[in-house]
Every structure is written in structure tokens, then in C-alpha cells.
Amino acid sequence: MVATYWDRLKPALDAKKWGIQQFADAIGVSYQAVVKVRDGGSFGSKNNIKAANALGLNPGWLATGEGQKAAAFDANVRPAPPGMRTYPVISKIQAGKVKEMVCPYEPGDGFAVEFGEDDASPWAFYLEIEGDSMLPEFRPGDRVLIDPEVQPRPGDFVAARNTKQEATFKKYRVRGIGEAGQEVFELVPLNDDYPTLRSDEQHLTVVGTMLEHRRKFRRQK
């Protein structure tokens, strides 16, 4: 009998003692989406990666049953499934240099990696959210995919370089054209307890635009 997607998934769920709802919450999908997998379906590429990461499995093995079952010990060297690639998770300091340096980071320089579809520029990277200035939509520990080659539009979320040459992550809002003919924009926190930053009041440079948000869910102890 040919093993199904659920046949590969279920033992890992049992090992974590997760039911369907706990698993659905952990990877950000609906209860019914997991039920469909249980009943003979499978996840698409993005949710397959989320499921594999949550359960410590190799995304390629989970999707096809081929290759190594467990995620490799060193995440920086495990192969990406076909059609996928690895993105480095880099520091705020590294991200703050993206516009200035030809090579601000090497593929192995990140402190972690994320698997994702190979549809972003070669210099795309993930940033990990710190603090609570972007609550409730972005929580500490969440990761956002930033692409330096995508120009932001009003309402987009961006990483921008501040005066400390670090990257800060905020909502992008255009305010017009300044006296020098440059676009004036604001970096807006979602948490009202934090101030809005304006490019005509301090030096701010947009580093890149968010393409994807991966949420960290609180796990039961």
C-alpha cells in the first residue's frame, strides 16, 4: 500500500501529542484544511514547509516520501525541495547595510534559514521581529521576508535603515514631496504606544519591502 501524505504526517503529530486543532494553530491554517489532508489530501508548498518546520521534518520528504525524513542537524546545509530555496535570517545590523554594500551578507551568514518559494530577488532575506511596536499583527519571533529590489507602495510593510544603521520594520506611508524634491514618507508602528518616524525629520532609507509574513504561534507547555 502506497503511503499517503497523512501517513507521513500523523506519526510526527503523535510524537508531539498534537491534535488536529493544535497542529492547525501551530502552522496558521484552518481545522478543515488539516481534515482535508487527513482524508487523503496534501498541503501546498507553503503550508508543507510550515508543517515540516513545526514537526522537525524535511519538507521534501514530507511532500514526496523521498529523501531524508528528519530535518538535518545543521539547517544551513540541508537541501531545499525542488522549486524552493533557502533564505538567510540576518541581523538588523546586516540588513541596515544592504543598500550600502555589494555583499552585506553571505548565504551562510544568517543565524538561521527559512525555506521559501524561489520567487524573490537573490538578495531577499528574513528579519525576525523584536519588541512590540508592531503588535497585534506582528509578534516578537515572527519572521518577515524582505526584498531589497521591490519598491514599496503606500500601505506596504518595509524594513528601513535608521540613524544607527540598523533595520527597523514599519508600515510605509507617503506624505508628499519635500522642498528638495525627495519623497517624504512615514514609518508607522501598529502599536499606538510608539512614535511615527518621518523621513523629513531624520535620516531614513527604505531597505526593502515585505513579501511574506511567517507567524510564530505560542505553544502549550
N, C-alpha and C. Protein backbone atom coordinates (compact mmCIF):
# COMPACT_ATOMS: atom_id res chain seq x y z
N MET A 1 0.83 -1.20 0.00
CA MET A 1 0.00 0.00 0.00
C MET A 1 0.87 1.26 0.00
N VAL A 2 0.57 2.19 -0.89
CA VAL A 2 1.34 3.41 -1.01
C VAL A 2 1.03 4.34 0.16
N ALA A 3 2.06 4.83 0.80
CA ALA A 3 1.88 5.73 1.94
C ALA A 3 1.32 7.07 1.46
N THR A 4 0.40 7.62 2.22
CA THR A 4 -0.19 8.92 1.89
C THR A 4 0.54 10.03 2.63
N TYR A 5 0.20 11.25 2.29
CA TYR A 5 0.77 12.42 2.99
C TYR A 5 0.46 12.32 4.49
N TRP A 6 -0.75 11.93 4.81
CA TRP A 6 -1.15 11.81 6.22
C TRP A 6 -0.37 10.71 6.93
N ASP A 7 -0.05 9.63 6.22
CA ASP A 7 0.75 8.56 6.81
C ASP A 7 2.11 9.08 7.27
N ARG A 8 2.66 10.04 6.54
CA ARG A 8 3.95 10.61 6.93
C ARG A 8 3.78 11.66 8.04
N LEU A 9 2.66 12.34 8.01
CA LEU A 9 2.43 13.43 8.96
C LEU A 9 2.00 12.93 10.34
N LYS A 10 1.15 11.93 10.38
CA LYS A 10 0.50 11.50 11.63
C LYS A 10 1.49 11.06 12.71
N PRO A 11 2.51 10.26 12.42
CA PRO A 11 3.43 9.87 13.49
C PRO A 11 4.13 11.06 14.15
N ALA A 12 4.45 12.07 13.37
CA ALA A 12 5.10 13.26 13.93
C ALA A 12 4.12 14.02 14.83
N LEU A 13 2.86 14.08 14.45
CA LEU A 13 1.84 14.71 15.30
C LEU A 13 1.68 13.94 16.61
N ASP A 14 1.66 12.62 16.51
CA ASP A 14 1.52 11.79 17.71
C ASP A 14 2.70 11.98 18.65
N ALA A 15 3.89 12.12 18.07
CA ALA A 15 5.08 12.30 18.90
C ALA A 15 5.02 13.60 19.68
N LYS A 16 4.43 14.64 19.10
CA LYS A 16 4.27 15.92 19.79
C LYS A 16 3.01 15.97 20.64
N LYS A 17 2.17 14.93 20.51
CA LYS A 17 0.89 14.87 21.21
C LYS A 17 -0.01 16.03 20.80
N TRP A 18 0.02 16.32 19.50
CA TRP A 18 -0.82 17.36 18.93
C TRP A 18 -2.06 16.75 18.29
N GLY A 19 -3.20 17.35 18.57
CA GLY A 19 -4.41 17.03 17.84
C GLY A 19 -4.50 17.90 16.61
N ILE A 20 -5.58 17.73 15.86
CA ILE A 20 -5.74 18.48 14.61
C ILE A 20 -5.78 19.98 14.86
N GLN A 21 -6.53 20.42 15.87
CA GLN A 21 -6.64 21.86 16.12
C GLN A 21 -5.32 22.47 16.57
N GLN A 22 -4.58 21.77 17.42
CA GLN A 22 -3.28 22.28 17.86
C GLN A 22 -2.32 22.43 16.68
N PHE A 23 -2.33 21.44 15.82
CA PHE A 23 -1.46 21.48 14.64
C PHE A 23 -1.88 22.61 13.71
N ALA A 24 -3.17 22.76 13.49
CA ALA A 24 -3.67 23.83 12.62
C ALA A 24 -3.25 25.20 13.17
N ASP A 25 -3.38 25.38 14.48
CA ASP A 25 -2.98 26.65 15.10
C ASP A 25 -1.48 26.89 14.96
N ALA A 26 -0.69 25.84 15.08
CA ALA A 26 0.77 25.97 15.05
C ALA A 26 1.27 26.44 13.69
N ILE A 27 0.60 26.05 12.61
CA ILE A 27 1.08 26.42 11.28
C ILE A 27 0.19 27.46 10.60
N GLY A 28 -0.84 27.93 11.30
CA GLY A 28 -1.65 29.01 10.78
C GLY A 28 -2.62 28.64 9.68
N VAL A 29 -3.21 27.44 9.77
CA VAL A 29 -4.24 27.04 8.81
C VAL A 29 -5.52 26.68 9.57
N SER A 30 -6.59 26.47 8.84
CA SER A 30 -7.86 26.14 9.47
C SER A 30 -7.91 24.66 9.87
N TYR A 31 -8.81 24.35 10.79
CA TYR A 31 -9.05 22.97 11.20
C TYR A 31 -9.44 22.12 9.98
N GLN A 32 -10.32 22.70 9.12
CA GLN A 32 -10.78 21.94 7.97
C GLN A 32 -9.68 21.65 6.97
N ALA A 33 -8.67 22.55 6.90
CA ALA A 33 -7.55 22.30 5.99
C ALA A 33 -6.78 21.06 6.39
N VAL A 34 -6.63 20.85 7.71
CA VAL A 34 -5.93 19.65 8.18
C VAL A 34 -6.80 18.42 7.99
N VAL A 35 -8.10 18.57 8.20
CA VAL A 35 -9.02 17.45 7.99
C VAL A 35 -8.95 16.96 6.54
N LYS A 36 -8.85 17.90 5.60
CA LYS A 36 -8.75 17.52 4.19
C LYS A 36 -7.48 16.70 3.93
N VAL A 37 -6.39 17.08 4.61
CA VAL A 37 -5.16 16.30 4.48
C VAL A 37 -5.36 14.91 5.08
N ARG A 38 -5.99 14.85 6.25
CA ARG A 38 -6.26 13.56 6.88
C ARG A 38 -7.08 12.65 5.98
N ASP A 39 -7.98 13.26 5.23
CA ASP A 39 -8.90 12.49 4.39
C ASP A 39 -8.35 12.20 3.00
N GLY A 40 -7.03 12.38 2.83
CA GLY A 40 -6.42 11.97 1.57
C GLY A 40 -5.77 13.07 0.76
N GLY A 41 -5.87 14.33 1.24
CA GLY A 41 -5.26 15.43 0.51
C GLY A 41 -3.83 15.67 0.94
N SER A 42 -3.30 16.80 0.53
CA SER A 42 -1.95 17.21 0.94
C SER A 42 -1.89 18.73 0.93
N PHE A 43 -0.91 19.28 1.62
CA PHE A 43 -0.72 20.73 1.66
C PHE A 43 -0.03 21.20 0.39
N GLY A 44 -0.26 22.47 0.06
CA GLY A 44 0.52 23.12 -0.98
C GLY A 44 1.93 23.39 -0.47
N SER A 45 2.77 23.96 -1.32
CA SER A 45 4.19 24.09 -0.98
C SER A 45 4.42 24.93 0.26
N LYS A 46 3.72 26.07 0.40
CA LYS A 46 3.97 26.94 1.55
C LYS A 46 3.55 26.27 2.85
N ASN A 47 2.37 25.69 2.89
CA ASN A 47 1.91 25.03 4.11
C ASN A 47 2.68 23.75 4.39
N ASN A 48 3.18 23.11 3.34
CA ASN A 48 4.03 21.93 3.54
C ASN A 48 5.30 22.32 4.27
N ILE A 49 5.88 23.45 3.91
CA ILE A 49 7.09 23.92 4.58
C ILE A 49 6.79 24.26 6.03
N LYS A 50 5.67 24.94 6.27
CA LYS A 50 5.30 25.28 7.64
C LYS A 50 5.11 24.02 8.48
N ALA A 51 4.43 23.03 7.90
CA ALA A 51 4.20 21.79 8.63
C ALA A 51 5.51 21.08 8.94
N ALA A 52 6.39 21.01 7.96
CA ALA A 52 7.68 20.35 8.16
C ALA A 52 8.51 21.05 9.23
N ASN A 53 8.56 22.38 9.17
CA ASN A 53 9.32 23.14 10.16
C ASN A 53 8.77 22.94 11.57
N ALA A 54 7.45 22.90 11.69
CA ALA A 54 6.83 22.74 13.00
C ALA A 54 7.09 21.36 13.59
N LEU A 55 7.27 20.37 12.72
CA LEU A 55 7.41 18.99 13.18
C LEU A 55 8.84 18.45 13.08
N GLY A 56 9.78 19.29 12.65
CA GLY A 56 11.17 18.85 12.54
C GLY A 56 11.40 17.86 11.42
N LEU A 57 10.63 17.99 10.34
CA LEU A 57 10.75 17.08 9.21
C LEU A 57 11.37 17.78 8.01
N ASN A 58 11.91 16.99 7.10
CA ASN A 58 12.42 17.50 5.84
C ASN A 58 11.22 17.80 4.94
N PRO A 59 11.05 19.06 4.47
CA PRO A 59 9.90 19.39 3.63
C PRO A 59 9.79 18.52 2.38
N GLY A 60 10.94 18.20 1.77
CA GLY A 60 10.91 17.35 0.58
C GLY A 60 10.38 15.96 0.88
N TRP A 61 10.83 15.39 2.01
CA TRP A 61 10.35 14.05 2.39
C TRP A 61 8.87 14.08 2.70
N LEU A 62 8.42 15.11 3.43
CA LEU A 62 7.01 15.20 3.79
C LEU A 62 6.13 15.30 2.56
N ALA A 63 6.59 16.03 1.55
CA ALA A 63 5.80 16.21 0.34
C ALA A 63 5.77 14.98 -0.55
N THR A 64 6.90 14.27 -0.63
CA THR A 64 7.00 13.19 -1.62
C THR A 64 7.29 11.81 -1.04
N GLY A 65 7.79 11.76 0.21
CA GLY A 65 8.19 10.49 0.78
C GLY A 65 9.59 10.08 0.38
N GLU A 66 10.30 10.94 -0.35
CA GLU A 66 11.65 10.63 -0.82
C GLU A 66 12.69 11.45 -0.07
N GLY A 67 13.88 10.88 0.09
CA GLY A 67 14.97 11.59 0.75
C GLY A 67 14.97 11.37 2.25
N GLN A 68 15.70 12.24 2.94
CA GLN A 68 15.85 12.13 4.39
C GLN A 68 14.58 12.57 5.10
N LYS A 69 14.14 11.79 6.08
CA LYS A 69 12.90 12.09 6.78
C LYS A 69 13.04 13.28 7.72
N ALA A 70 14.03 13.24 8.58
CA ALA A 70 14.19 14.29 9.59
C ALA A 70 14.92 15.49 9.01
N ALA A 71 14.64 16.66 9.57
CA ALA A 71 15.40 17.85 9.20
C ALA A 71 16.85 17.64 9.61
N ALA A 72 17.77 18.09 8.78
CA ALA A 72 19.19 17.93 9.07
C ALA A 72 19.57 18.72 10.31
N PHE A 73 20.58 18.24 11.01
CA PHE A 73 21.03 18.91 12.23
C PHE A 73 21.47 20.34 11.96
N ASP A 74 22.24 20.54 10.88
CA ASP A 74 22.70 21.87 10.51
C ASP A 74 21.79 22.42 9.43
N ALA A 75 20.85 23.29 9.83
CA ALA A 75 19.86 23.80 8.89
C ALA A 75 20.48 24.58 7.74
N ASN A 76 21.71 25.10 7.91
CA ASN A 76 22.32 25.89 6.87
C ASN A 76 22.77 25.06 5.67
N VAL A 77 22.78 23.74 5.79
CA VAL A 77 23.28 22.93 4.69
C VAL A 77 22.26 21.93 4.18
N ARG A 78 21.02 21.95 4.69
CA ARG A 78 20.06 20.98 4.17
C ARG A 78 19.51 21.46 2.83
N PRO A 79 19.32 20.55 1.88
CA PRO A 79 18.89 20.95 0.55
C PRO A 79 17.43 21.41 0.54
N ALA A 80 17.14 22.37 -0.30
CA ALA A 80 15.76 22.82 -0.46
C ALA A 80 15.04 21.89 -1.43
N PRO A 81 13.74 21.66 -1.23
CA PRO A 81 12.98 20.84 -2.18
C PRO A 81 12.97 21.50 -3.55
N PRO A 82 12.66 20.73 -4.61
CA PRO A 82 12.61 21.30 -5.95
C PRO A 82 11.67 22.50 -6.00
N GLY A 83 12.12 23.57 -6.67
CA GLY A 83 11.30 24.77 -6.77
C GLY A 83 11.39 25.68 -5.56
N MET A 84 12.19 25.29 -4.56
CA MET A 84 12.31 26.08 -3.35
C MET A 84 13.75 26.56 -3.22
N ARG A 85 13.99 27.45 -2.25
CA ARG A 85 15.33 27.90 -1.95
C ARG A 85 15.41 28.25 -0.47
N THR A 86 16.61 28.42 0.03
CA THR A 86 16.78 28.85 1.41
C THR A 86 17.07 30.33 1.43
N TYR A 87 16.49 31.01 2.42
CA TYR A 87 16.72 32.42 2.65
C TYR A 87 17.41 32.59 4.00
N PRO A 88 18.44 33.43 4.09
CA PRO A 88 19.08 33.64 5.39
C PRO A 88 18.21 34.51 6.29
N VAL A 89 18.23 34.23 7.57
CA VAL A 89 17.65 35.12 8.56
C VAL A 89 18.81 35.94 9.11
N ILE A 90 18.85 37.23 8.79
CA ILE A 90 20.01 38.04 9.13
C ILE A 90 19.69 39.05 10.22
N SER A 91 20.73 39.63 10.77
CA SER A 91 20.57 40.57 11.87
C SER A 91 20.14 41.94 11.36
N LYS A 92 19.69 42.79 12.29
CA LYS A 92 19.30 44.15 11.93
C LYS A 92 20.49 44.95 11.41
N ILE A 93 21.66 44.67 11.95
CA ILE A 93 22.86 45.37 11.52
C ILE A 93 23.20 45.01 10.07
N GLN A 94 23.16 43.71 9.76
CA GLN A 94 23.42 43.28 8.38
C GLN A 94 22.40 43.89 7.43
N ALA A 95 21.13 43.87 7.82
CA ALA A 95 20.07 44.42 6.97
C ALA A 95 20.26 45.91 6.76
N GLY A 96 20.76 46.60 7.78
CA GLY A 96 20.98 48.03 7.67
C GLY A 96 22.05 48.41 6.67
N LYS A 97 22.87 47.45 6.26
CA LYS A 97 23.96 47.70 5.31
C LYS A 97 23.60 47.27 3.89
N VAL A 98 22.41 46.74 3.70
CA VAL A 98 22.06 46.16 2.40
C VAL A 98 22.20 47.17 1.27
N LYS A 99 21.82 48.42 1.48
CA LYS A 99 21.87 49.42 0.42
C LYS A 99 23.27 49.98 0.20
N GLU A 100 24.17 49.75 1.14
CA GLU A 100 25.50 50.35 1.06
C GLU A 100 26.56 49.40 0.53
N MET A 101 26.41 48.11 0.81
CA MET A 101 27.47 47.16 0.49
C MET A 101 27.04 46.25 -0.65
N VAL A 102 27.98 45.90 -1.50
CA VAL A 102 27.70 44.99 -2.60
C VAL A 102 27.32 43.62 -2.06
N CYS A 103 27.98 43.20 -0.99
CA CYS A 103 27.74 41.88 -0.41
C CYS A 103 27.66 42.00 1.11
N PRO A 104 26.53 42.48 1.66
CA PRO A 104 26.42 42.68 3.10
C PRO A 104 26.35 41.39 3.89
N TYR A 105 26.02 40.29 3.25
CA TYR A 105 25.97 39.01 3.93
C TYR A 105 26.17 37.90 2.90
N GLU A 106 26.71 36.81 3.35
CA GLU A 106 26.85 35.63 2.51
C GLU A 106 25.72 34.65 2.83
N PRO A 107 25.42 33.71 1.95
CA PRO A 107 24.32 32.78 2.19
C PRO A 107 24.39 32.06 3.53
N GLY A 108 25.60 31.81 4.05
CA GLY A 108 25.73 31.11 5.32
C GLY A 108 25.83 32.01 6.52
N ASP A 109 25.72 33.33 6.32
CA ASP A 109 25.95 34.26 7.41
C ASP A 109 24.76 34.41 8.35
N GLY A 110 23.60 34.02 7.96
CA GLY A 110 22.43 34.19 8.82
C GLY A 110 22.51 33.29 10.03
N PHE A 111 21.77 33.67 11.08
CA PHE A 111 21.76 32.83 12.27
C PHE A 111 20.74 31.71 12.15
N ALA A 112 19.98 31.69 11.06
CA ALA A 112 19.02 30.61 10.77
C ALA A 112 18.69 30.71 9.29
N VAL A 113 17.91 29.76 8.80
CA VAL A 113 17.42 29.83 7.43
C VAL A 113 15.92 29.56 7.43
N GLU A 114 15.27 30.01 6.36
CA GLU A 114 13.87 29.69 6.11
C GLU A 114 13.78 29.15 4.69
N PHE A 115 12.95 28.13 4.49
CA PHE A 115 12.66 27.66 3.15
C PHE A 115 11.53 28.49 2.57
N GLY A 116 11.61 28.76 1.27
CA GLY A 116 10.55 29.50 0.61
C GLY A 116 10.58 29.29 -0.88
N GLU A 117 9.53 29.72 -1.54
CA GLU A 117 9.47 29.60 -2.99
C GLU A 117 10.54 30.50 -3.61
N ASP A 118 11.09 30.04 -4.71
CA ASP A 118 12.19 30.75 -5.36
C ASP A 118 11.63 31.84 -6.28
N ASP A 119 10.98 32.84 -5.68
CA ASP A 119 10.35 33.88 -6.48
C ASP A 119 10.73 35.28 -6.01
N ALA A 120 11.79 35.41 -5.22
CA ALA A 120 12.27 36.70 -4.77
C ALA A 120 13.66 36.95 -5.35
N SER A 121 14.16 38.17 -5.18
CA SER A 121 15.47 38.52 -5.73
C SER A 121 16.57 37.77 -5.00
N PRO A 122 17.78 37.72 -5.58
CA PRO A 122 18.89 37.00 -4.92
C PRO A 122 19.25 37.55 -3.56
N TRP A 123 18.91 38.83 -3.28
CA TRP A 123 19.30 39.44 -2.02
C TRP A 123 18.17 39.48 -1.00
N ALA A 124 17.08 38.77 -1.26
CA ALA A 124 15.99 38.72 -0.29
C ALA A 124 16.44 38.00 0.98
N PHE A 125 15.88 38.39 2.10
CA PHE A 125 16.28 37.82 3.39
C PHE A 125 15.11 37.92 4.36
N TYR A 126 15.23 37.18 5.45
CA TYR A 126 14.24 37.27 6.52
C TYR A 126 14.79 38.09 7.67
N LEU A 127 13.92 38.86 8.30
CA LEU A 127 14.20 39.54 9.55
C LEU A 127 13.28 38.96 10.62
N GLU A 128 13.78 38.83 11.82
CA GLU A 128 12.98 38.35 12.93
C GLU A 128 12.50 39.54 13.75
N ILE A 129 11.20 39.59 14.00
CA ILE A 129 10.61 40.72 14.71
C ILE A 129 11.02 40.71 16.18
N GLU A 130 11.42 41.88 16.66
CA GLU A 130 11.73 42.07 18.08
C GLU A 130 10.82 43.15 18.64
N GLY A 131 10.52 43.06 19.93
CA GLY A 131 9.73 44.10 20.57
C GLY A 131 8.26 44.04 20.19
N ASP A 132 7.50 45.03 20.66
CA ASP A 132 6.05 45.00 20.48
C ASP A 132 5.50 46.20 19.71
N SER A 133 6.36 46.92 18.97
CA SER A 133 5.90 48.11 18.27
C SER A 133 4.96 47.80 17.10
N MET A 134 4.96 46.53 16.64
CA MET A 134 4.12 46.17 15.50
C MET A 134 2.98 45.23 15.89
N LEU A 135 2.73 45.13 17.21
CA LEU A 135 1.56 44.38 17.65
C LEU A 135 0.29 45.13 17.23
N PRO A 136 -0.81 44.43 16.96
CA PRO A 136 -1.01 42.98 17.18
C PRO A 136 -0.71 42.11 15.96
N GLU A 137 -0.42 42.71 14.81
CA GLU A 137 -0.26 41.92 13.59
C GLU A 137 1.06 41.17 13.54
N PHE A 138 2.12 41.79 14.06
CA PHE A 138 3.45 41.18 14.03
C PHE A 138 3.94 41.01 15.46
N ARG A 139 4.19 39.76 15.83
CA ARG A 139 4.59 39.45 17.20
C ARG A 139 6.08 39.17 17.29
N PRO A 140 6.67 39.37 18.47
CA PRO A 140 8.08 39.01 18.63
C PRO A 140 8.32 37.55 18.24
N GLY A 141 9.35 37.32 17.45
CA GLY A 141 9.63 35.97 16.97
C GLY A 141 9.10 35.69 15.58
N ASP A 142 8.12 36.48 15.12
CA ASP A 142 7.66 36.35 13.74
C ASP A 142 8.81 36.68 12.79
N ARG A 143 8.74 36.14 11.58
CA ARG A 143 9.76 36.45 10.58
C ARG A 143 9.11 37.00 9.33
N VAL A 144 9.75 38.00 8.74
CA VAL A 144 9.22 38.64 7.53
C VAL A 144 10.26 38.56 6.43
N LEU A 145 9.80 38.23 5.22
CA LEU A 145 10.68 38.14 4.06
C LEU A 145 10.78 39.53 3.43
N ILE A 146 11.98 40.06 3.34
CA ILE A 146 12.23 41.40 2.81
C ILE A 146 12.99 41.29 1.49
N ASP A 147 12.49 42.00 0.48
CA ASP A 147 13.18 42.00 -0.82
C ASP A 147 13.65 43.42 -1.13
N PRO A 148 14.98 43.63 -1.19
CA PRO A 148 15.51 44.96 -1.46
C PRO A 148 15.20 45.49 -2.87
N GLU A 149 14.80 44.60 -3.78
CA GLU A 149 14.57 45.03 -5.15
C GLU A 149 13.10 45.35 -5.43
N VAL A 150 12.25 45.27 -4.41
CA VAL A 150 10.84 45.60 -4.58
C VAL A 150 10.57 46.98 -4.01
N GLN A 151 10.11 47.90 -4.85
CA GLN A 151 9.80 49.25 -4.40
C GLN A 151 8.48 49.25 -3.62
N PRO A 152 8.45 49.93 -2.47
CA PRO A 152 7.23 49.90 -1.67
C PRO A 152 6.12 50.78 -2.24
N ARG A 153 4.91 50.39 -1.95
CA ARG A 153 3.74 51.19 -2.25
C ARG A 153 3.12 51.63 -0.94
N PRO A 154 2.34 52.71 -0.95
CA PRO A 154 1.70 53.14 0.29
C PRO A 154 0.89 52.01 0.92
N GLY A 155 1.11 51.78 2.22
CA GLY A 155 0.43 50.70 2.92
C GLY A 155 1.24 49.44 3.03
N ASP A 156 2.34 49.33 2.28
CA ASP A 156 3.22 48.16 2.40
C ASP A 156 3.96 48.20 3.73
N PHE A 157 4.50 47.05 4.12
CA PHE A 157 5.38 46.98 5.27
C PHE A 157 6.81 46.89 4.76
N VAL A 158 7.69 47.66 5.38
CA VAL A 158 9.06 47.76 4.88
C VAL A 158 10.07 47.63 6.01
N ALA A 159 11.29 47.26 5.63
CA ALA A 159 12.44 47.42 6.50
C ALA A 159 13.15 48.69 6.06
N ALA A 160 13.50 49.53 7.00
CA ALA A 160 14.18 50.78 6.68
C ALA A 160 15.37 50.95 7.60
N ARG A 161 16.37 51.64 7.09
CA ARG A 161 17.58 51.89 7.87
C ARG A 161 17.39 53.18 8.67
N ASN A 162 17.70 53.10 9.96
CA ASN A 162 17.60 54.28 10.81
C ASN A 162 18.97 54.91 10.99
N THR A 163 19.07 55.89 11.87
CA THR A 163 20.33 56.61 12.06
C THR A 163 21.41 55.75 12.71
N LYS A 164 21.04 54.61 13.29
CA LYS A 164 22.01 53.71 13.90
C LYS A 164 22.50 52.65 12.91
N GLN A 165 22.11 52.80 11.64
CA GLN A 165 22.47 51.83 10.61
C GLN A 165 21.93 50.44 10.94
N GLU A 166 20.78 50.42 11.61
CA GLU A 166 20.08 49.18 11.87
C GLU A 166 18.77 49.20 11.08
N ALA A 167 18.20 48.03 10.88
CA ALA A 167 16.93 47.94 10.19
C ALA A 167 15.79 48.01 11.19
N THR A 168 14.81 48.82 10.87
CA THR A 168 13.58 48.87 11.65
C THR A 168 12.44 48.47 10.73
N PHE A 169 11.44 47.81 11.24
CA PHE A 169 10.35 47.28 10.43
C PHE A 169 9.06 48.02 10.76
N LYS A 170 8.48 48.68 9.76
CA LYS A 170 7.28 49.50 9.99
C LYS A 170 6.39 49.52 8.75
N LYS A 171 5.22 50.13 8.90
CA LYS A 171 4.32 50.35 7.77
C LYS A 171 4.74 51.61 7.03
N TYR A 172 4.68 51.56 5.72
CA TYR A 172 5.15 52.65 4.86
C TYR A 172 3.98 53.54 4.46
N ARG A 173 4.12 54.85 4.69
CA ARG A 173 3.06 55.79 4.34
C ARG A 173 3.68 57.05 3.72
N VAL A 174 3.25 57.38 2.51
CA VAL A 174 3.79 58.54 1.79
C VAL A 174 3.09 59.81 2.25
N ARG A 175 3.89 60.89 2.41
CA ARG A 175 3.36 62.17 2.87
C ARG A 175 3.55 63.29 1.87
N GLY A 176 4.12 63.00 0.71
CA GLY A 176 4.28 64.03 -0.30
C GLY A 176 5.72 64.21 -0.71
N ILE A 177 6.00 65.37 -1.29
CA ILE A 177 7.33 65.69 -1.78
C ILE A 177 7.89 66.85 -0.97
N GLY A 178 9.14 66.69 -0.50
CA GLY A 178 9.77 67.72 0.31
C GLY A 178 10.33 68.85 -0.54
N GLU A 179 10.94 69.84 0.13
CA GLU A 179 11.48 71.02 -0.54
C GLU A 179 12.60 70.66 -1.50
N ALA A 180 13.35 69.61 -1.21
CA ALA A 180 14.44 69.20 -2.08
C ALA A 180 13.98 68.29 -3.21
N GLY A 181 12.67 68.07 -3.30
CA GLY A 181 12.13 67.23 -4.36
C GLY A 181 12.14 65.75 -4.06
N GLN A 182 12.49 65.40 -2.83
CA GLN A 182 12.50 64.00 -2.43
C GLN A 182 11.18 63.60 -1.80
N GLU A 183 10.82 62.34 -1.99
CA GLU A 183 9.58 61.84 -1.40
C GLU A 183 9.69 61.81 0.12
N VAL A 184 8.69 62.34 0.77
CA VAL A 184 8.62 62.31 2.23
C VAL A 184 7.72 61.15 2.63
N PHE A 185 8.23 60.28 3.50
CA PHE A 185 7.42 59.14 3.93
C PHE A 185 7.49 58.98 5.44
N GLU A 186 6.53 58.25 5.96
CA GLU A 186 6.49 57.93 7.37
C GLU A 186 6.66 56.44 7.56
N LEU A 187 7.25 56.07 8.67
CA LEU A 187 7.32 54.68 9.11
C LEU A 187 6.41 54.57 10.32
N VAL A 188 5.32 53.84 10.15
CA VAL A 188 4.24 53.87 11.12
C VAL A 188 4.19 52.57 11.93
N PRO A 189 4.31 52.64 13.25
CA PRO A 189 4.13 51.44 14.07
C PRO A 189 2.64 51.11 14.18
N LEU A 190 2.32 49.85 14.34
CA LEU A 190 0.91 49.46 14.51
C LEU A 190 0.47 49.61 15.97
N ASN A 191 1.43 49.64 16.87
CA ASN A 191 1.16 49.85 18.29
C ASN A 191 1.20 51.35 18.57
N ASP A 192 0.08 51.92 19.01
CA ASP A 192 -0.03 53.36 19.21
C ASP A 192 0.89 53.90 20.30
N ASP A 193 1.48 53.02 21.10
CA ASP A 193 2.38 53.48 22.15
C ASP A 193 3.74 53.93 21.60
N TYR A 194 3.99 53.71 20.32
CA TYR A 194 5.27 54.05 19.72
C TYR A 194 5.10 55.19 18.72
N PRO A 195 6.14 56.03 18.56
CA PRO A 195 6.03 57.18 17.67
C PRO A 195 6.18 56.81 16.20
N THR A 196 5.58 57.63 15.35
CA THR A 196 5.76 57.52 13.91
C THR A 196 7.05 58.25 13.52
N LEU A 197 7.82 57.66 12.63
CA LEU A 197 9.07 58.25 12.16
C LEU A 197 8.85 58.89 10.80
N ARG A 198 9.43 60.08 10.59
CA ARG A 198 9.29 60.81 9.33
C ARG A 198 10.65 61.01 8.68
N SER A 199 10.68 60.81 7.36
CA SER A 199 11.95 60.91 6.64
C SER A 199 12.43 62.34 6.50
N ASP A 200 11.56 63.34 6.71
CA ASP A 200 12.00 64.73 6.65
C ASP A 200 12.44 65.25 8.01
N GLU A 201 12.37 64.40 9.03
CA GLU A 201 12.80 64.79 10.36
C GLU A 201 14.06 64.05 10.79
N GLN A 202 14.32 62.89 10.23
CA GLN A 202 15.54 62.15 10.50
C GLN A 202 15.90 61.32 9.28
N HIS A 203 17.14 60.90 9.20
CA HIS A 203 17.60 60.17 8.02
C HIS A 203 17.03 58.75 8.03
N LEU A 204 16.21 58.46 7.05
CA LEU A 204 15.60 57.13 6.92
C LEU A 204 15.73 56.69 5.47
N THR A 205 16.11 55.45 5.27
CA THR A 205 16.23 54.88 3.93
C THR A 205 15.55 53.52 3.90
N VAL A 206 14.64 53.34 2.96
CA VAL A 206 13.96 52.05 2.83
C VAL A 206 14.95 51.00 2.32
N VAL A 207 15.06 49.90 3.03
CA VAL A 207 15.95 48.81 2.66
C VAL A 207 15.26 47.83 1.72
N GLY A 208 14.00 47.51 1.99
CA GLY A 208 13.27 46.56 1.17
C GLY A 208 11.83 46.43 1.62
N THR A 209 11.06 45.74 0.84
CA THR A 209 9.61 45.59 1.06
C THR A 209 9.28 44.17 1.47
N MET A 210 8.34 44.04 2.41
CA MET A 210 7.93 42.72 2.87
C MET A 210 7.13 41.98 1.80
N LEU A 211 7.52 40.74 1.57
CA LEU A 211 6.79 39.87 0.64
C LEU A 211 5.98 38.80 1.37
N GLU A 212 6.44 38.41 2.56
CA GLU A 212 5.78 37.31 3.26
C GLU A 212 5.97 37.47 4.76
N HIS A 213 4.97 37.03 5.51
CA HIS A 213 4.99 37.08 6.97
C HIS A 213 4.78 35.67 7.50
N ARG A 214 5.72 35.22 8.32
CA ARG A 214 5.59 33.91 8.96
C ARG A 214 5.42 34.11 10.46
N ARG A 215 4.30 33.68 10.95
CA ARG A 215 3.93 33.96 12.34
C ARG A 215 4.38 32.85 13.28
N LYS A 216 4.87 33.26 14.41
CA LYS A 216 5.22 32.32 15.48
C LYS A 216 4.04 32.21 16.41
N PHE A 217 3.55 31.01 16.60
CA PHE A 217 2.40 30.79 17.46
C PHE A 217 2.88 30.30 18.84
N ARG A 218 2.19 30.75 19.82
CA ARG A 218 2.50 30.30 21.18
C ARG A 218 2.16 28.81 21.30
N ARG A 219 3.09 28.06 21.86
CA ARG A 219 2.86 26.64 22.02
C ARG A 219 2.53 26.33 23.46
N GLN A 220 1.68 25.35 23.65
CA GLN A 220 1.32 24.94 25.00
C GLN A 220 2.50 24.28 25.69
N LYS A 221 2.65 24.55 26.97
CA LYS A 221 3.71 23.92 27.75
C LYS A 221 3.30 22.55 28.25
